[in-house]
Amino acid sequence: MAAARVTVTLPVHVVEDIDRAETNRSAFVLEAVRRELVRRRREHLRRSLQAPHQDTLELAAQGFDAWASGLPEEAVDDLVDPSAGTPVRWVPKKGWVGGKS
């Protein structure tokens, strides 16, 4: 894996705390950064699900069956299994909820 050198300035007490927890500062910082990136992606997804893009709302209103009927037959057979998963529906100001409309 290619690596890039990054200089980060931290308060001394934070570096001391890192050194007490981990002998490899770089590994510790890498793990912390990865966790934060995952947390931010999840938060972004959560906000997106609470306030979806207009195109998504239109697709939800159209319904899965209508969307799937527009796919080529081989795509439906190979990629889409309407009986799989959990039914959900979009409820304004609530987001996606389980159950049929």
N, C-alpha and C. Protein backbone atom coordinates (compact mmCIF):
# COMPACT_ATOMS: atom_id res chain seq x y z
N MET A 1 0.85 -1.17 0.00
CA MET A 1 0.00 0.00 0.00
C MET A 1 0.89 1.23 0.00
N ALA A 2 0.63 2.15 -0.91
CA ALA A 2 1.38 3.39 -0.97
C ALA A 2 1.02 4.25 0.24
N ALA A 3 1.99 5.02 0.71
CA ALA A 3 1.76 5.86 1.87
C ALA A 3 2.20 7.28 1.56
N ALA A 4 1.57 8.21 2.24
CA ALA A 4 1.94 9.62 2.13
C ALA A 4 2.27 10.13 3.52
N ARG A 5 3.29 10.94 3.60
CA ARG A 5 3.67 11.50 4.89
C ARG A 5 2.82 12.74 5.15
N VAL A 6 2.28 12.80 6.37
CA VAL A 6 1.44 13.93 6.78
C VAL A 6 1.97 14.44 8.11
N THR A 7 2.12 15.72 8.22
CA THR A 7 2.56 16.32 9.47
C THR A 7 1.33 16.84 10.20
N VAL A 8 1.15 16.39 11.42
CA VAL A 8 0.01 16.80 12.22
C VAL A 8 0.55 17.36 13.54
N THR A 9 0.05 18.50 13.93
CA THR A 9 0.46 19.10 15.20
C THR A 9 -0.63 18.83 16.23
N LEU A 10 -0.22 18.21 17.33
CA LEU A 10 -1.16 17.87 18.40
C LEU A 10 -0.63 18.43 19.71
N PRO A 11 -1.51 18.71 20.65
CA PRO A 11 -1.05 19.14 21.97
C PRO A 11 -0.21 18.03 22.62
N VAL A 12 0.77 18.43 23.41
CA VAL A 12 1.69 17.49 24.04
C VAL A 12 0.94 16.44 24.85
N HIS A 13 -0.06 16.85 25.61
CA HIS A 13 -0.78 15.88 26.45
C HIS A 13 -1.50 14.82 25.61
N VAL A 14 -1.94 15.17 24.40
CA VAL A 14 -2.58 14.19 23.52
C VAL A 14 -1.55 13.18 23.02
N VAL A 15 -0.38 13.65 22.64
CA VAL A 15 0.69 12.75 22.19
C VAL A 15 1.09 11.82 23.34
N GLU A 16 1.18 12.36 24.54
CA GLU A 16 1.52 11.51 25.71
C GLU A 16 0.44 10.45 25.92
N ASP A 17 -0.83 10.81 25.76
CA ASP A 17 -1.91 9.83 25.90
C ASP A 17 -1.81 8.75 24.82
N ILE A 18 -1.48 9.15 23.60
CA ILE A 18 -1.30 8.18 22.51
C ILE A 18 -0.16 7.23 22.86
N ASP A 19 0.95 7.79 23.32
CA ASP A 19 2.12 6.96 23.64
C ASP A 19 1.83 5.97 24.77
N ARG A 20 0.95 6.33 25.70
CA ARG A 20 0.58 5.38 26.77
C ARG A 20 -0.29 4.25 26.22
N ALA A 21 -1.08 4.54 25.17
CA ALA A 21 -2.02 3.55 24.62
C ALA A 21 -1.40 2.71 23.52
N GLU A 22 -0.42 3.24 22.80
CA GLU A 22 0.09 2.56 21.60
C GLU A 22 1.55 2.92 21.39
N THR A 23 2.35 1.93 21.03
CA THR A 23 3.76 2.21 20.77
C THR A 23 3.98 2.76 19.37
N ASN A 24 3.06 2.49 18.46
CA ASN A 24 3.18 2.96 17.09
C ASN A 24 2.19 4.10 16.87
N ARG A 25 2.68 5.34 16.96
CA ARG A 25 1.80 6.51 16.81
C ARG A 25 1.09 6.51 15.47
N SER A 26 1.82 6.19 14.41
CA SER A 26 1.21 6.22 13.07
C SER A 26 0.05 5.25 12.97
N ALA A 27 0.23 4.04 13.51
CA ALA A 27 -0.86 3.06 13.47
C ALA A 27 -2.06 3.56 14.25
N PHE A 28 -1.80 4.17 15.40
CA PHE A 28 -2.88 4.69 16.22
C PHE A 28 -3.65 5.79 15.49
N VAL A 29 -2.92 6.73 14.91
CA VAL A 29 -3.56 7.83 14.19
C VAL A 29 -4.31 7.30 12.97
N LEU A 30 -3.72 6.34 12.25
CA LEU A 30 -4.39 5.74 11.10
C LEU A 30 -5.71 5.11 11.50
N GLU A 31 -5.71 4.34 12.58
CA GLU A 31 -6.95 3.71 13.04
C GLU A 31 -7.98 4.76 13.44
N ALA A 32 -7.55 5.81 14.13
CA ALA A 32 -8.47 6.86 14.55
C ALA A 32 -9.07 7.59 13.34
N VAL A 33 -8.25 7.86 12.35
CA VAL A 33 -8.73 8.54 11.15
C VAL A 33 -9.72 7.65 10.39
N ARG A 34 -9.40 6.37 10.25
CA ARG A 34 -10.33 5.45 9.56
C ARG A 34 -11.67 5.40 10.28
N ARG A 35 -11.65 5.29 11.60
CA ARG A 35 -12.90 5.25 12.36
C ARG A 35 -13.70 6.53 12.18
N GLU A 36 -13.01 7.66 12.17
CA GLU A 36 -13.71 8.94 11.99
C GLU A 36 -14.30 9.04 10.60
N LEU A 37 -13.60 8.56 9.60
CA LEU A 37 -14.13 8.59 8.24
C LEU A 37 -15.39 7.72 8.13
N VAL A 38 -15.38 6.55 8.75
CA VAL A 38 -16.56 5.68 8.76
C VAL A 38 -17.71 6.37 9.47
N ARG A 39 -17.42 6.99 10.62
CA ARG A 39 -18.45 7.69 11.38
C ARG A 39 -19.08 8.81 10.54
N ARG A 40 -18.24 9.56 9.83
CA ARG A 40 -18.75 10.66 9.02
C ARG A 40 -19.56 10.16 7.84
N ARG A 41 -19.13 9.04 7.21
CA ARG A 41 -19.91 8.46 6.11
C ARG A 41 -21.29 8.03 6.60
N ARG A 42 -21.32 7.39 7.77
CA ARG A 42 -22.60 6.97 8.34
C ARG A 42 -23.49 8.16 8.65
N GLU A 43 -22.90 9.21 9.21
CA GLU A 43 -23.67 10.41 9.52
C GLU A 43 -24.21 11.04 8.24
N HIS A 44 -23.38 11.09 7.21
CA HIS A 44 -23.83 11.63 5.93
C HIS A 44 -24.99 10.80 5.37
N LEU A 45 -24.88 9.48 5.44
CA LEU A 45 -25.95 8.60 4.98
C LEU A 45 -27.22 8.82 5.80
N ARG A 46 -27.07 8.95 7.11
CA ARG A 46 -28.24 9.17 7.97
C ARG A 46 -28.94 10.47 7.58
N ARG A 47 -28.17 11.54 7.38
CA ARG A 47 -28.78 12.81 6.96
C ARG A 47 -29.43 12.68 5.59
N SER A 48 -28.79 11.94 4.70
CA SER A 48 -29.34 11.75 3.36
C SER A 48 -30.65 10.98 3.41
N LEU A 49 -30.74 9.99 4.28
CA LEU A 49 -31.98 9.21 4.40
C LEU A 49 -33.09 10.03 5.04
N GLN A 50 -32.72 10.97 5.90
CA GLN A 50 -33.73 11.81 6.54
C GLN A 50 -34.25 12.89 5.59
N ALA A 51 -33.42 13.30 4.65
CA ALA A 51 -33.83 14.33 3.70
C ALA A 51 -33.33 13.94 2.31
N PRO A 52 -33.99 12.97 1.69
CA PRO A 52 -33.49 12.44 0.41
C PRO A 52 -33.59 13.45 -0.73
N HIS A 53 -32.79 13.20 -1.73
CA HIS A 53 -32.80 14.02 -2.94
C HIS A 53 -34.16 13.87 -3.63
N GLN A 54 -34.59 14.89 -4.34
CA GLN A 54 -35.89 14.89 -5.01
C GLN A 54 -36.05 13.69 -5.95
N ASP A 55 -34.98 13.32 -6.66
CA ASP A 55 -35.07 12.16 -7.56
C ASP A 55 -35.38 10.88 -6.79
N THR A 56 -34.83 10.76 -5.59
CA THR A 56 -35.09 9.59 -4.76
C THR A 56 -36.55 9.55 -4.33
N LEU A 57 -37.08 10.71 -3.98
CA LEU A 57 -38.50 10.76 -3.60
C LEU A 57 -39.40 10.33 -4.75
N GLU A 58 -39.05 10.77 -5.96
CA GLU A 58 -39.84 10.40 -7.13
C GLU A 58 -39.76 8.90 -7.38
N LEU A 59 -38.57 8.32 -7.21
CA LEU A 59 -38.41 6.88 -7.39
C LEU A 59 -39.22 6.13 -6.34
N ALA A 60 -39.20 6.61 -5.10
CA ALA A 60 -39.98 5.96 -4.04
C ALA A 60 -41.46 6.04 -4.34
N ALA A 61 -41.91 7.19 -4.85
CA ALA A 61 -43.33 7.34 -5.19
C ALA A 61 -43.72 6.42 -6.34
N GLN A 62 -42.81 6.25 -7.28
CA GLN A 62 -43.07 5.38 -8.43
C GLN A 62 -43.23 3.93 -7.97
N GLY A 63 -42.45 3.56 -6.99
CA GLY A 63 -42.54 2.21 -6.45
C GLY A 63 -41.55 1.25 -7.09
N PHE A 64 -41.16 0.26 -6.32
CA PHE A 64 -40.17 -0.71 -6.77
C PHE A 64 -40.65 -1.51 -7.96
N ASP A 65 -41.89 -1.95 -7.93
CA ASP A 65 -42.40 -2.79 -9.02
C ASP A 65 -42.36 -2.05 -10.35
N ALA A 66 -42.74 -0.78 -10.34
CA ALA A 66 -42.70 0.00 -11.58
C ALA A 66 -41.26 0.17 -12.05
N TRP A 67 -40.36 0.41 -11.10
CA TRP A 67 -38.95 0.57 -11.45
C TRP A 67 -38.41 -0.74 -12.03
N ALA A 68 -38.68 -1.86 -11.36
CA ALA A 68 -38.17 -3.15 -11.79
C ALA A 68 -38.76 -3.55 -13.14
N SER A 69 -40.00 -3.16 -13.42
CA SER A 69 -40.61 -3.53 -14.69
C SER A 69 -39.92 -2.85 -15.87
N GLY A 70 -39.20 -1.77 -15.62
CA GLY A 70 -38.46 -1.08 -16.68
C GLY A 70 -37.09 -1.67 -16.95
N LEU A 71 -36.67 -2.63 -16.14
CA LEU A 71 -35.36 -3.26 -16.33
C LEU A 71 -35.44 -4.36 -17.38
N PRO A 72 -34.33 -4.64 -18.06
CA PRO A 72 -34.32 -5.78 -18.98
C PRO A 72 -34.64 -7.07 -18.22
N GLU A 73 -35.28 -8.00 -18.86
CA GLU A 73 -35.72 -9.24 -18.21
C GLU A 73 -34.56 -9.97 -17.52
N GLU A 74 -33.40 -10.03 -18.20
CA GLU A 74 -32.27 -10.75 -17.59
C GLU A 74 -31.78 -10.06 -16.32
N ALA A 75 -31.91 -8.75 -16.24
CA ALA A 75 -31.51 -8.03 -15.04
C ALA A 75 -32.44 -8.36 -13.89
N VAL A 76 -33.72 -8.44 -14.18
CA VAL A 76 -34.69 -8.76 -13.13
C VAL A 76 -34.45 -10.17 -12.63
N ASP A 77 -34.23 -11.10 -13.54
CA ASP A 77 -34.02 -12.49 -13.13
C ASP A 77 -32.74 -12.66 -12.33
N ASP A 78 -31.68 -11.95 -12.72
CA ASP A 78 -30.37 -12.16 -12.10
C ASP A 78 -30.09 -11.22 -10.93
N LEU A 79 -30.64 -10.01 -10.96
CA LEU A 79 -30.24 -9.01 -9.99
C LEU A 79 -31.32 -8.63 -8.99
N VAL A 80 -32.56 -8.80 -9.33
CA VAL A 80 -33.63 -8.31 -8.47
C VAL A 80 -34.51 -9.48 -8.03
N ASP A 81 -34.63 -9.64 -6.74
CA ASP A 81 -35.52 -10.65 -6.18
C ASP A 81 -36.53 -9.93 -5.29
N PRO A 82 -37.72 -9.62 -5.83
CA PRO A 82 -38.71 -8.86 -5.07
C PRO A 82 -39.12 -9.53 -3.76
N SER A 83 -38.95 -10.85 -3.65
CA SER A 83 -39.36 -11.52 -2.43
C SER A 83 -38.29 -11.46 -1.34
N ALA A 84 -37.10 -10.99 -1.69
CA ALA A 84 -36.01 -10.91 -0.72
C ALA A 84 -36.08 -9.59 0.04
N GLY A 85 -35.48 -9.56 1.18
CA GLY A 85 -35.38 -8.32 1.94
C GLY A 85 -36.62 -7.99 2.74
N THR A 86 -36.64 -6.80 3.25
CA THR A 86 -37.73 -6.32 4.09
C THR A 86 -38.43 -5.18 3.39
N PRO A 87 -39.75 -5.23 3.27
CA PRO A 87 -40.46 -4.13 2.63
C PRO A 87 -40.28 -2.84 3.44
N VAL A 88 -40.06 -1.75 2.74
CA VAL A 88 -39.96 -0.44 3.37
C VAL A 88 -40.76 0.56 2.56
N ARG A 89 -41.08 1.68 3.17
CA ARG A 89 -41.75 2.75 2.46
C ARG A 89 -41.24 4.06 3.01
N TRP A 90 -41.34 5.11 2.20
CA TRP A 90 -40.89 6.44 2.60
C TRP A 90 -42.02 7.18 3.28
N VAL A 91 -41.75 7.71 4.46
CA VAL A 91 -42.73 8.52 5.18
C VAL A 91 -42.10 9.90 5.36
N PRO A 92 -42.72 10.93 4.77
CA PRO A 92 -42.17 12.28 4.91
C PRO A 92 -41.93 12.64 6.37
N LYS A 93 -40.81 13.27 6.64
CA LYS A 93 -40.38 13.73 7.96
C LYS A 93 -40.04 12.59 8.90
N LYS A 94 -40.14 11.33 8.43
CA LYS A 94 -39.74 10.18 9.25
C LYS A 94 -38.64 9.39 8.58
N GLY A 95 -38.65 9.33 7.27
CA GLY A 95 -37.65 8.54 6.55
C GLY A 95 -38.22 7.21 6.12
N TRP A 96 -37.32 6.26 5.88
CA TRP A 96 -37.72 4.92 5.45
C TRP A 96 -38.18 4.13 6.66
N VAL A 97 -39.35 3.53 6.56
CA VAL A 97 -39.89 2.71 7.65
C VAL A 97 -40.32 1.37 7.10
N GLY A 98 -40.30 0.35 7.94
CA GLY A 98 -40.70 -0.98 7.53
C GLY A 98 -42.19 -1.06 7.31
N GLY A 99 -42.59 -2.03 6.51
CA GLY A 99 -44.01 -2.25 6.27
C GLY A 99 -44.47 -1.71 4.94
N LYS A 100 -45.58 -2.20 4.49
CA LYS A 100 -46.15 -1.76 3.22
C LYS A 100 -47.04 -0.56 3.44
N SER A 101 -47.26 0.20 2.37
CA SER A 101 -48.10 1.40 2.49
C SER A 101 -49.56 1.07 2.56
